[in-house]
Amino acid sequence: MIVARANEHEESFKKAMKAGVKIAFGTDMGGIPWTEPIADEFNHMVKFGMSPMDAIKSATSKAADLLEMKGELA
């Protein structure tokens, strides 16, 4: 189920990256079984063109920046 929904998101994810949209790790797509590991999102981000390091940063320093907590969260 999560794979099918993530694949639907592929086109918009790629467009967002190309446009320079700031992307933070996490999901608000809803409707997924919460028994699925959220960490699977990293695989999808990389599969859709984000570098592995940028995927990691999306859950750490980039997320802190978007939350206006740079230097407080990493």
PDB file of N, CA and C in Angstrom:
ATOM      1  N   MET A   1       0.817  -1.195   0.000  1.00  0.00           N
ATOM      2  CA  MET A   1       0.000   0.000   0.000  1.00  0.00           C
ATOM      3  C   MET A   1       0.862   1.259   0.000  1.00  0.00           C
ATOM      4  N   ILE A   2       1.851   1.308   0.887  1.00  0.00           N
ATOM      5  CA  ILE A   2       2.701   2.504   0.965  1.00  0.00           C
ATOM      6  C   ILE A   2       3.450   2.716  -0.351  1.00  0.00           C
ATOM      7  N   VAL A   3       3.873   1.635  -0.981  1.00  0.00           N
ATOM      8  CA  VAL A   3       4.609   1.761  -2.243  1.00  0.00           C
ATOM      9  C   VAL A   3       3.721   2.352  -3.325  1.00  0.00           C
ATOM     10  N   ALA A   4       2.477   1.900  -3.399  1.00  0.00           N
ATOM     11  CA  ALA A   4       1.559   2.419  -4.418  1.00  0.00           C
ATOM     12  C   ALA A   4       1.333   3.914  -4.224  1.00  0.00           C
ATOM     13  N   ARG A   5       1.147   4.347  -2.989  1.00  0.00           N
ATOM     14  CA  ARG A   5       0.924   5.774  -2.735  1.00  0.00           C
ATOM     15  C   ARG A   5       2.193   6.577  -2.998  1.00  0.00           C
ATOM     16  N   ALA A   6       3.324   6.050  -2.613  1.00  0.00           N
ATOM     17  CA  ALA A   6       4.580   6.757  -2.852  1.00  0.00           C
ATOM     18  C   ALA A   6       4.819   6.910  -4.343  1.00  0.00           C
ATOM     19  N   ASN A   7       4.520   5.886  -5.115  1.00  0.00           N
ATOM     20  CA  ASN A   7       4.725   5.971  -6.556  1.00  0.00           C
ATOM     21  C   ASN A   7       3.819   7.026  -7.191  1.00  0.00           C
ATOM     22  N   GLU A   8       2.643   7.231  -6.642  1.00  0.00           N
ATOM     23  CA  GLU A   8       1.747   8.285  -7.126  1.00  0.00           C
ATOM     24  C   GLU A   8       2.359   9.661  -6.854  1.00  0.00           C
ATOM     25  N   HIS A   9       3.183   9.738  -5.857  1.00  0.00           N
ATOM     26  CA  HIS A   9       3.791  10.993  -5.427  1.00  0.00           C
ATOM     27  C   HIS A   9       5.066  11.312  -6.223  1.00  0.00           C
ATOM     28  N   GLU A  10       5.560  10.359  -6.972  1.00  0.00           N
ATOM     29  CA  GLU A  10       6.845  10.507  -7.672  1.00  0.00           C
ATOM     30  C   GLU A  10       6.919  11.758  -8.542  1.00  0.00           C
ATOM     31  N   GLU A  11       5.945  11.984  -9.375  1.00  0.00           N
ATOM     32  CA  GLU A  11       5.987  13.117 -10.305  1.00  0.00           C
ATOM     33  C   GLU A  11       6.040  14.449  -9.558  1.00  0.00           C
ATOM     34  N   SER A  12       5.197  14.618  -8.547  1.00  0.00           N
ATOM     35  CA  SER A  12       5.192  15.889  -7.807  1.00  0.00           C
ATOM     36  C   SER A  12       6.476  16.065  -7.009  1.00  0.00           C
ATOM     37  N   PHE A  13       7.033  14.980  -6.495  1.00  0.00           N
ATOM     38  CA  PHE A  13       8.297  15.046  -5.760  1.00  0.00           C
ATOM     39  C   PHE A  13       9.418  15.530  -6.678  1.00  0.00           C
ATOM     40  N   LYS A  14       9.489  14.946  -7.866  1.00  0.00           N
ATOM     41  CA  LYS A  14      10.528  15.338  -8.825  1.00  0.00           C
ATOM     42  C   LYS A  14      10.366  16.793  -9.256  1.00  0.00           C
ATOM     43  N   LYS A  15       9.129  17.228  -9.472  1.00  0.00           N
ATOM     44  CA  LYS A  15       8.881  18.627  -9.845  1.00  0.00           C
ATOM     45  C   LYS A  15       9.297  19.561  -8.711  1.00  0.00           C
ATOM     46  N   ALA A  16       9.000  19.185  -7.479  1.00  0.00           N
ATOM     47  CA  ALA A  16       9.368  20.004  -6.327  1.00  0.00           C
ATOM     48  C   ALA A  16      10.885  20.118  -6.209  1.00  0.00           C
ATOM     49  N   MET A  17      11.585  19.016  -6.375  1.00  0.00           N
ATOM     50  CA  MET A  17      13.054  19.065  -6.311  1.00  0.00           C
ATOM     51  C   MET A  17      13.607  19.966  -7.411  1.00  0.00           C
ATOM     52  N   LYS A  18      13.108  19.808  -8.626  1.00  0.00           N
ATOM     53  CA  LYS A  18      13.580  20.606  -9.763  1.00  0.00           C
ATOM     54  C   LYS A  18      13.331  22.095  -9.534  1.00  0.00           C
ATOM     55  N   ALA A  19      12.216  22.419  -8.873  1.00  0.00           N
ATOM     56  CA  ALA A  19      11.866  23.819  -8.612  1.00  0.00           C
ATOM     57  C   ALA A  19      12.587  24.393  -7.393  1.00  0.00           C
ATOM     58  N   GLY A  20      13.337  23.548  -6.689  1.00  0.00           N
ATOM     59  CA  GLY A  20      14.073  24.027  -5.520  1.00  0.00           C
ATOM     60  C   GLY A  20      13.237  24.145  -4.256  1.00  0.00           C
ATOM     61  N   VAL A  21      12.102  23.465  -4.226  1.00  0.00           N
ATOM     62  CA  VAL A  21      11.244  23.481  -3.040  1.00  0.00           C
ATOM     63  C   VAL A  21      11.983  22.802  -1.888  1.00  0.00           C
ATOM     64  N   LYS A  22      11.923  23.399  -0.714  1.00  0.00           N
ATOM     65  CA  LYS A  22      12.533  22.790   0.470  1.00  0.00           C
ATOM     66  C   LYS A  22      11.673  21.599   0.884  1.00  0.00           C
ATOM     67  N   ILE A  23      12.314  20.454   1.033  1.00  0.00           N
ATOM     68  CA  ILE A  23      11.603  19.211   1.335  1.00  0.00           C
ATOM     69  C   ILE A  23      12.088  18.665   2.670  1.00  0.00           C
ATOM     70  N   ALA A  24      11.150  18.397   3.562  1.00  0.00           N
ATOM     71  CA  ALA A  24      11.469  17.785   4.846  1.00  0.00           C
ATOM     72  C   ALA A  24      10.923  16.360   4.871  1.00  0.00           C
ATOM     73  N   PHE A  25      11.624  15.511   5.556  1.00  0.00           N
ATOM     74  CA  PHE A  25      11.227  14.119   5.723  1.00  0.00           C
ATOM     75  C   PHE A  25       9.931  14.034   6.519  1.00  0.00           C
ATOM     76  N   GLY A  26       9.093  13.099   6.180  1.00  0.00           N
ATOM     77  CA  GLY A  26       7.850  12.877   6.902  1.00  0.00           C
ATOM     78  C   GLY A  26       6.719  12.752   5.917  1.00  0.00           C
ATOM     79  N   THR A  27       5.600  12.337   6.401  1.00  0.00           N
ATOM     80  CA  THR A  27       4.475  12.155   5.512  1.00  0.00           C
ATOM     81  C   THR A  27       3.208  12.725   6.111  1.00  0.00           C
ATOM     82  N   ASP A  28       2.405  13.285   5.276  1.00  0.00           N
ATOM     83  CA  ASP A  28       1.072  13.711   5.683  1.00  0.00           C
ATOM     84  C   ASP A  28       0.044  13.106   4.733  1.00  0.00           C
ATOM     85  N   MET A  29       0.488  12.080   3.991  1.00  0.00           N
ATOM     86  CA  MET A  29      -0.410  11.514   2.991  1.00  0.00           C
ATOM     87  C   MET A  29      -1.547  10.719   3.621  1.00  0.00           C
ATOM     88  N   GLY A  30      -1.385  10.265   4.825  1.00  0.00           N
ATOM     89  CA  GLY A  30      -2.451   9.552   5.514  1.00  0.00           C
ATOM     90  C   GLY A  30      -2.851   8.270   4.814  1.00  0.00           C
ATOM     91  N   GLY A  31      -3.653   7.495   5.482  1.00  0.00           N
ATOM     92  CA  GLY A  31      -4.173   6.278   4.883  1.00  0.00           C
ATOM     93  C   GLY A  31      -3.173   5.149   4.771  1.00  0.00           C
ATOM     94  N   ILE A  32      -2.015   5.306   5.386  1.00  0.00           N
ATOM     95  CA  ILE A  32      -1.047   4.214   5.346  1.00  0.00           C
ATOM     96  C   ILE A  32      -1.128   3.444   6.655  1.00  0.00           C
ATOM     97  N   PRO A  33      -0.831   2.164   6.601  1.00  0.00           N
ATOM     98  CA  PRO A  33      -0.824   1.408   7.850  1.00  0.00           C
ATOM     99  C   PRO A  33       0.403   1.829   8.670  1.00  0.00           C
ATOM    100  N   TRP A  34       0.188   2.236   9.886  1.00  0.00           N
ATOM    101  CA  TRP A  34       1.293   2.732  10.715  1.00  0.00           C
ATOM    102  C   TRP A  34       2.181   1.613  11.219  1.00  0.00           C
ATOM    103  N   THR A  35       1.922   0.399  10.734  1.00  0.00           N
ATOM    104  CA  THR A  35       2.825  -0.713  11.023  1.00  0.00           C
ATOM    105  C   THR A  35       3.998  -0.702  10.045  1.00  0.00           C
ATOM    106  N   GLU A  36       3.859   0.063   8.955  1.00  0.00           N
ATOM    107  CA  GLU A  36       4.938   0.202   7.972  1.00  0.00           C
ATOM    108  C   GLU A  36       5.985   1.163   8.526  1.00  0.00           C
ATOM    109  N   PRO A  37       7.269   0.836   8.387  1.00  0.00           N
ATOM    110  CA  PRO A  37       8.311   1.740   8.904  1.00  0.00           C
ATOM    111  C   PRO A  37       8.387   3.035   8.092  1.00  0.00           C
ATOM    112  N   ILE A  38       8.293   4.166   8.769  1.00  0.00           N
ATOM    113  CA  ILE A  38       8.359   5.466   8.098  1.00  0.00           C
ATOM    114  C   ILE A  38       9.709   5.661   7.419  1.00  0.00           C
ATOM    115  N   ALA A  39      10.736   4.986   7.916  1.00  0.00           N
ATOM    116  CA  ALA A  39      12.072   5.107   7.324  1.00  0.00           C
ATOM    117  C   ALA A  39      12.095   4.675   5.862  1.00  0.00           C
ATOM    118  N   ASP A  40      11.091   3.932   5.422  1.00  0.00           N
ATOM    119  CA  ASP A  40      11.017   3.552   4.000  1.00  0.00           C
ATOM    120  C   ASP A  40      10.956   4.779   3.104  1.00  0.00           C
ATOM    121  N   GLU A  41      10.556   5.910   3.663  1.00  0.00           N
ATOM    122  CA  GLU A  41      10.495   7.134   2.867  1.00  0.00           C
ATOM    123  C   GLU A  41      11.870   7.499   2.312  1.00  0.00           C
ATOM    124  N   PHE A  42      12.940   7.212   3.068  1.00  0.00           N
ATOM    125  CA  PHE A  42      14.295   7.496   2.577  1.00  0.00           C
ATOM    126  C   PHE A  42      14.529   6.801   1.237  1.00  0.00           C
ATOM    127  N   ASN A  43      14.140   5.539   1.145  1.00  0.00           N
ATOM    128  CA  ASN A  43      14.324   4.784  -0.099  1.00  0.00           C
ATOM    129  C   ASN A  43      13.596   5.441  -1.264  1.00  0.00           C
ATOM    130  N   HIS A  44      12.391   5.913  -1.008  1.00  0.00           N
ATOM    131  CA  HIS A  44      11.610   6.550  -2.072  1.00  0.00           C
ATOM    132  C   HIS A  44      12.236   7.880  -2.484  1.00  0.00           C
ATOM    133  N   MET A  45      12.713   8.654  -1.530  1.00  0.00           N
ATOM    134  CA  MET A  45      13.344   9.942  -1.858  1.00  0.00           C
ATOM    135  C   MET A  45      14.536   9.728  -2.778  1.00  0.00           C
ATOM    136  N   VAL A  46      15.354   8.736  -2.461  1.00  0.00           N
ATOM    137  CA  VAL A  46      16.537   8.449  -3.282  1.00  0.00           C
ATOM    138  C   VAL A  46      16.114   7.877  -4.633  1.00  0.00           C
ATOM    139  N   LYS A  47      15.141   6.993  -4.623  1.00  0.00           N
ATOM    140  CA  LYS A  47      14.630   6.411  -5.876  1.00  0.00           C
ATOM    141  C   LYS A  47      14.112   7.500  -6.815  1.00  0.00           C
ATOM    142  N   PHE A  48      13.533   8.560  -6.242  1.00  0.00           N
ATOM    143  CA  PHE A  48      12.958   9.640  -7.039  1.00  0.00           C
ATOM    144  C   PHE A  48      13.961  10.726  -7.385  1.00  0.00           C
ATOM    145  N   GLY A  49      15.254  10.537  -7.019  1.00  0.00           N
ATOM    146  CA  GLY A  49      16.289  11.445  -7.493  1.00  0.00           C
ATOM    147  C   GLY A  49      17.039  12.250  -6.459  1.00  0.00           C
ATOM    148  N   MET A  50      16.672  12.162  -5.199  1.00  0.00           N
ATOM    149  CA  MET A  50      17.388  12.897  -4.156  1.00  0.00           C
ATOM    150  C   MET A  50      18.637  12.099  -3.783  1.00  0.00           C
ATOM    151  N   SER A  51      19.723  12.793  -3.501  1.00  0.00           N
ATOM    152  CA  SER A  51      20.930  12.073  -3.094  1.00  0.00           C
ATOM    153  C   SER A  51      20.700  11.467  -1.706  1.00  0.00           C
ATOM    154  N   PRO A  52      21.401  10.368  -1.383  1.00  0.00           N
ATOM    155  CA  PRO A  52      21.250   9.784  -0.051  1.00  0.00           C
ATOM    156  C   PRO A  52      21.535  10.792   1.069  1.00  0.00           C
ATOM    157  N   MET A  53      22.561  11.626   0.909  1.00  0.00           N
ATOM    158  CA  MET A  53      22.876  12.600   1.949  1.00  0.00           C
ATOM    159  C   MET A  53      21.782  13.652   2.073  1.00  0.00           C
ATOM    160  N   ASP A  54      21.218  14.107   0.962  1.00  0.00           N
ATOM    161  CA  ASP A  54      20.130  15.078   1.033  1.00  0.00           C
ATOM    162  C   ASP A  54      18.889  14.464   1.676  1.00  0.00           C
ATOM    163  N   ALA A  55      18.662  13.183   1.457  1.00  0.00           N
ATOM    164  CA  ALA A  55      17.536  12.505   2.109  1.00  0.00           C
ATOM    165  C   ALA A  55      17.735  12.500   3.627  1.00  0.00           C
ATOM    166  N   ILE A  56      18.945  12.205   4.066  1.00  0.00           N
ATOM    167  CA  ILE A  56      19.248  12.226   5.501  1.00  0.00           C
ATOM    168  C   ILE A  56      19.082  13.637   6.054  1.00  0.00           C
ATOM    169  N   LYS A  57      19.590  14.623   5.316  1.00  0.00           N
ATOM    170  CA  LYS A  57      19.459  16.014   5.769  1.00  0.00           C
ATOM    171  C   LYS A  57      17.997  16.447   5.838  1.00  0.00           C
ATOM    172  N   SER A  58      17.148  15.866   4.981  1.00  0.00           N
ATOM    173  CA  SER A  58      15.730  16.240   4.997  1.00  0.00           C
ATOM    174  C   SER A  58      15.065  15.876   6.322  1.00  0.00           C
ATOM    175  N   ALA A  59      15.657  14.929   7.032  1.00  0.00           N
ATOM    176  CA  ALA A  59      15.111  14.510   8.325  1.00  0.00           C
ATOM    177  C   ALA A  59      15.873  15.129   9.496  1.00  0.00           C
ATOM    178  N   THR A  60      16.923  15.888   9.199  1.00  0.00           N
ATOM    179  CA  THR A  60      17.743  16.464  10.273  1.00  0.00           C
ATOM    180  C   THR A  60      17.866  17.976  10.071  1.00  0.00           C
ATOM    181  N   SER A  61      18.970  18.416   9.511  1.00  0.00           N
ATOM    182  CA  SER A  61      19.256  19.853   9.429  1.00  0.00           C
ATOM    183  C   SER A  61      18.245  20.627   8.579  1.00  0.00           C
ATOM    184  N   LYS A  62      17.789  20.067   7.470  1.00  0.00           N
ATOM    185  CA  LYS A  62      16.806  20.771   6.632  1.00  0.00           C
ATOM    186  C   LYS A  62      15.457  20.885   7.355  1.00  0.00           C
ATOM    187  N   ALA A  63      15.073  19.826   8.058  1.00  0.00           N
ATOM    188  CA  ALA A  63      13.824  19.876   8.815  1.00  0.00           C
ATOM    189  C   ALA A  63      13.911  20.916   9.924  1.00  0.00           C
ATOM    190  N   ALA A  64      15.052  20.980  10.613  1.00  0.00           N
ATOM    191  CA  ALA A  64      15.241  21.981  11.673  1.00  0.00           C
ATOM    192  C   ALA A  64      15.159  23.388  11.089  1.00  0.00           C
ATOM    193  N   ASP A  65      15.753  23.577   9.922  1.00  0.00           N
ATOM    194  CA  ASP A  65      15.708  24.878   9.258  1.00  0.00           C
ATOM    195  C   ASP A  65      14.268  25.274   8.924  1.00  0.00           C
ATOM    196  N   LEU A  66      13.499  24.337   8.378  1.00  0.00           N
ATOM    197  CA  LEU A  66      12.110  24.612   8.016  1.00  0.00           C
ATOM    198  C   LEU A  66      11.241  24.887   9.244  1.00  0.00           C
ATOM    199  N   LEU A  67      11.613  24.318  10.378  1.00  0.00           N
ATOM    200  CA  LEU A  67      10.890  24.560  11.614  1.00  0.00           C
ATOM    201  C   LEU A  67      11.397  25.800  12.352  1.00  0.00           C
ATOM    202  N   GLU A  68      12.326  26.502  11.692  1.00  0.00           N
ATOM    203  CA  GLU A  68      12.964  27.691  12.272  1.00  0.00           C
ATOM    204  C   GLU A  68      13.611  27.373  13.609  1.00  0.00           C
ATOM    205  N   MET A  69      14.290  26.201  13.640  1.00  0.00           N
ATOM    206  CA  MET A  69      14.976  25.750  14.849  1.00  0.00           C
ATOM    207  C   MET A  69      16.411  25.356  14.533  1.00  0.00           C
ATOM    208  N   LYS A  70      16.969  25.962  13.489  1.00  0.00           N
ATOM    209  CA  LYS A  70      18.338  25.686  13.089  1.00  0.00           C
ATOM    210  C   LYS A  70      19.260  25.985  14.259  1.00  0.00           C
ATOM    211  N   GLY A  71      20.153  25.082  14.565  1.00  0.00           N
ATOM    212  CA  GLY A  71      21.065  25.246  15.688  1.00  0.00           C
ATOM    213  C   GLY A  71      20.501  24.679  16.993  1.00  0.00           C
ATOM    214  N   GLU A  72      19.202  24.482  17.037  1.00  0.00           N
ATOM    215  CA  GLU A  72      18.565  23.894  18.210  1.00  0.00           C
ATOM    216  C   GLU A  72      18.262  22.433  17.968  1.00  0.00           C
ATOM    217  N   LEU A  73      17.944  22.109  16.729  1.00  0.00           N
ATOM    218  CA  LEU A  73      17.698  20.727  16.313  1.00  0.00           C
ATOM    219  C   LEU A  73      18.652  20.425  15.162  1.00  0.00           C
ATOM    220  N   ALA A  74      19.101  19.212  15.098  1.00  0.00           N
ATOM    221  CA  ALA A  74      19.995  18.841  13.991  1.00  0.00           C
ATOM    222  C   ALA A  74      19.665  17.490  13.471  1.00  0.00           C
TER     223      ALA A  74
END
